[in-house]
Protein backbone atom coordinates (compact mmCIF):
# COMPACT_ATOMS: atom_id res chain seq x y z
CA MET A 1 -24.04 -4.27 -15.41
CA VAL A 2 -25.52 -2.69 -19.09
CA GLU A 3 -28.73 -1.55 -18.60
CA LYS A 4 -31.25 -2.37 -20.83
CA LYS A 5 -34.02 -0.09 -22.53
CA TYR A 6 -36.14 -1.12 -24.77
CA VAL A 7 -36.62 1.53 -27.28
CA VAL A 8 -39.57 -0.74 -29.77
CA GLU A 9 -40.71 -3.17 -28.65
CA ASN A 10 -42.93 -5.96 -30.20
CA LYS A 11 -43.55 -4.66 -33.43
CA GLN A 12 -45.43 -7.54 -35.78
CA LEU A 13 -44.62 -8.88 -39.57
CA LEU A 14 -47.88 -10.99 -40.60
CA TYR A 15 -47.79 -12.88 -43.84
CA GLU A 16 -49.60 -15.77 -44.67
CA GLY A 17 -48.81 -17.46 -48.53
CA PRO A 18 -45.80 -18.61 -50.52
CA PHE A 19 -42.16 -17.75 -49.27
CA SER A 20 -38.80 -18.84 -49.60
CA VAL A 21 -37.52 -19.82 -46.39
CA SER A 22 -33.52 -19.38 -47.38
CA GLU A 23 -34.27 -15.82 -48.86
CA LEU A 24 -35.87 -14.43 -46.27
CA TYR A 25 -32.54 -15.19 -44.20
CA ASP A 26 -31.01 -14.16 -46.89
CA ALA A 27 -32.76 -10.48 -46.03
CA ILE A 28 -31.73 -10.24 -42.44
CA LEU A 29 -27.86 -10.90 -42.96
CA GLN A 30 -27.75 -8.55 -46.28
CA TRP A 31 -29.20 -5.94 -44.43
CA ALA A 32 -27.36 -6.89 -41.40
CA GLY A 33 -24.31 -6.25 -43.49
CA GLU A 34 -24.93 -2.95 -45.52
CA LYS A 35 -25.64 -1.84 -42.39
CA GLY A 36 -22.20 -2.66 -40.89
CA MET A 37 -23.82 -5.12 -38.27
CA GLU A 38 -22.53 -8.39 -36.32
CA GLU A 39 -25.42 -11.09 -35.93
CA GLU A 40 -25.84 -13.93 -33.88
CA VAL A 41 -27.92 -16.82 -34.18
CA LYS A 42 -29.76 -17.76 -30.76
CA VAL A 43 -31.94 -20.11 -31.62
CA LYS A 44 -33.24 -22.12 -35.38
CA ARG A 45 -34.73 -25.26 -34.47
CA GLU A 46 -37.50 -27.17 -37.39
CA PHE A 47 -39.89 -28.82 -36.14
CA VAL A 48 -41.98 -32.21 -38.39
CA GLU A 49 -44.49 -33.27 -38.58
CA GLU A 50 -46.60 -35.25 -40.99
CA LYS A 51 -47.79 -32.78 -43.66
CA HIS A 52 -46.40 -29.02 -42.50
CA LYS A 53 -42.98 -28.06 -40.67
CA ALA A 54 -42.91 -25.70 -37.75
CA ARG A 55 -39.82 -23.08 -37.86
CA GLU A 56 -38.04 -20.73 -35.26
CA TRP A 57 -35.23 -18.16 -35.20
CA ILE A 58 -34.08 -16.23 -32.97
CA LEU A 59 -31.19 -13.87 -34.12
CA GLU A 60 -30.30 -10.86 -32.72
CA LEU A 61 -28.06 -7.74 -34.69
CA TRP A 62 -25.96 -5.09 -33.32
CA SER A 63 -23.46 -2.64 -33.74
CA GLU A 64 -21.97 -0.26 -31.43
CA LEU A 65 -23.13 3.76 -31.00
CA GLN A 66 -20.51 4.92 -29.13
CA HIS A 67 -18.14 2.31 -26.93
CA HIS A 68 -20.13 2.26 -24.35
CA ILE A 69 -23.59 2.43 -26.14
CA ARG A 70 -24.36 -0.46 -28.46
CA GLU A 71 -27.55 -1.03 -30.31
CA VAL A 72 -29.65 -4.83 -30.83
CA LEU A 73 -32.12 -5.75 -33.09
CA ARG A 74 -33.57 -9.46 -32.49
CA VAL A 75 -35.81 -11.16 -34.75
CA ARG A 76 -37.80 -13.49 -34.30
CA VAL A 77 -39.21 -15.38 -36.76
CA LEU A 78 -41.72 -17.77 -36.37
CA MET A 79 -42.83 -20.34 -39.00
CA LYS A 80 -46.48 -21.99 -39.04
CA ASN A 81 -47.68 -24.92 -41.09
CA VAL A 82 -45.16 -24.48 -43.81
CA THR A 83 -45.46 -27.04 -46.87
CA GLN A 84 -43.45 -27.22 -49.43
CA GLU A 85 -44.61 -26.08 -52.69
CA LYS A 86 -43.46 -25.87 -56.94
CA VAL A 87 -44.55 -22.26 -58.39
CA LYS A 88 -44.07 -21.82 -61.97
CA LEU A 89 -42.42 -18.11 -61.47
CA HIS A 90 -40.84 -16.48 -65.00
CA GLY A 91 -41.43 -19.22 -67.31
CA LYS A 92 -39.51 -21.74 -64.51
CA LEU A 93 -40.71 -24.39 -62.37
CA GLN A 94 -39.67 -23.45 -58.56
CA THR A 95 -40.17 -25.04 -55.62
CA LEU A 96 -41.50 -22.88 -52.46
CA ASP A 97 -42.26 -22.88 -49.11
CA LYS A 98 -46.08 -21.67 -48.57
CA GLY A 99 -47.29 -21.59 -44.87
CA GLU A 100 -48.00 -18.58 -41.78
CA LEU A 101 -45.31 -16.37 -40.57
CA LEU A 102 -44.97 -14.37 -37.99
CA VAL A 103 -41.52 -11.67 -37.43
CA ASN A 104 -41.41 -9.99 -34.11
CA PHE A 105 -39.18 -7.29 -33.52
CA ASP A 106 -37.52 -5.81 -30.89
CA GLY A 107 -34.83 -2.57 -31.00
CA ILE A 108 -33.33 -2.15 -27.79
CA LEU A 109 -30.64 0.47 -26.47
CA GLU A 110 -27.65 -1.40 -24.06
CA THR A 111 -25.36 1.12 -22.56
CA ASP A 112 -22.96 -0.41 -19.89
CA TRP A 113 -20.85 2.11 -18.08
CA GLU A 114 -18.91 -0.92 -16.20
CA GLY A 115 -16.06 0.28 -15.36
CA LYS A 116 -16.44 3.98 -16.43
CA TRP A 117 -15.74 6.93 -13.84
CA GLU A 118 -19.96 7.05 -13.02
CA GLN A 119 -19.17 3.43 -12.08
CA LYS A 120 -19.53 5.79 -8.23
CA PRO A 121 -23.29 5.73 -6.68
CA ILE A 122 -23.47 9.25 -6.49
CA ILE A 123 -22.22 10.47 -9.49
CA TYR A 124 -24.48 7.45 -11.18
CA PHE A 125 -27.79 8.68 -9.85
CA LEU A 126 -26.97 12.45 -10.18
CA ARG A 127 -26.96 11.13 -14.41
CA PHE A 128 -29.23 8.55 -14.18
CA VAL A 129 -32.10 11.29 -12.59
CA PHE A 130 -30.71 14.31 -14.86
CA GLU A 131 -30.95 12.27 -18.33
CA ARG A 132 -34.36 10.77 -17.68
CA TYR A 133 -35.66 14.27 -16.16
CA ILE A 134 -33.81 17.08 -17.18
CA TYR A 135 -31.80 17.09 -20.81
CA LYS A 136 -33.16 13.69 -22.55
CA TYR A 137 -31.32 14.57 -25.65
CA SER A 138 -28.17 11.66 -25.06
CA GLN A 139 -30.08 8.87 -24.96
CA ARG A 140 -32.77 10.35 -27.49
CA LYS A 141 -30.81 10.61 -30.48
CA TYR A 142 -29.91 6.69 -30.29
CA ASP A 143 -33.15 5.98 -29.36
CA ASN A 144 -33.64 7.97 -33.32
CA ASN A 145 -31.54 5.66 -34.39
CA VAL A 146 -32.50 1.94 -32.90
CA ALA A 147 -35.96 2.83 -34.27
CA ALA A 148 -35.00 4.20 -38.14
CA ASP A 149 -32.78 1.04 -38.42
CA LEU A 150 -35.76 -1.16 -37.40
CA GLN A 151 -38.08 -0.14 -39.34
CA SER A 152 -35.70 0.03 -42.57
CA LEU A 153 -35.32 -3.44 -41.57
CA HIS A 154 -38.92 -4.64 -41.38
CA ASP A 155 -39.83 -2.54 -44.69
CA THR A 156 -36.51 -5.05 -46.34
CA LEU A 157 -38.75 -8.06 -44.88
CA HIS A 158 -42.06 -6.81 -46.31
CA LYS A 159 -40.57 -6.21 -49.79
CA VAL A 160 -39.39 -9.86 -49.88
CA LEU A 161 -42.39 -11.16 -49.19
CA MET A 162 -45.28 -8.39 -51.35
CA LYS A 163 -42.79 -9.81 -54.04
CA TYR A 164 -43.72 -13.94 -53.37
CA ARG A 165 -47.43 -12.14 -52.58
CA LEU A 166 -47.86 -10.38 -56.25
CA ARG A 167 -46.74 -13.22 -58.22
CA GLN A 168 -49.11 -15.53 -56.76
CA SER A 169 -51.71 -13.36 -57.44
CA SER A 170 -50.22 -12.27 -60.82
CA LYS A 171 -50.41 -16.22 -61.33
CA GLU A 172 -53.76 -16.65 -60.84
CA LEU A 173 -55.73 -14.15 -62.57
C-alpha cells in the first residue's frame, strides 16, 4: 500500500497577460527532462466559448529516489479567458495567447512498503512511531528534495511568464 505525504501543498503561481501556451508546456517538460523525471499527462482539456477559451492541464512528474520512495510533483495549470493576440517581438509579428493563468503545485512523497519485511503489522507500527516521533531524519532528507524541486519548477515557470510581462511593458512605453 502506498503512503502519500504532502510535503508542499497548494503552492500557486498567478499571472495575467500575454504568454505562449506551447512555450509554457515545453518549459515544464524540459525542466522535467533536465531533472531526470518521468511525466504523465493526467488531464488535458480545452473549453471553447464564443470569444475566448479556457484550458486545464494536470501533469504529474515523478522520479524514484530509492526503490521504495518516489517523488511526485503534481502541476495543475488553469487558463481562463484565453484569446489570441498579435504582438510585435524583436521586430517580428507573433501570435501570443493572452489571459489569466493559475498554476497550482503539489509536492508529494510516496513510500511503498508492500512486499518489504516491514509489512508485518508490529514492525510497520514500530517503524511509523520511530520515524514520526523519535528519529525524523530519514524522511526529512527526502522532504527537502521534494520542496527544492518544486521551488525550482515554480521559479522556472515564473521566469518564462515574466519574460512576456517585461516584453509587453517595454512595448507599451
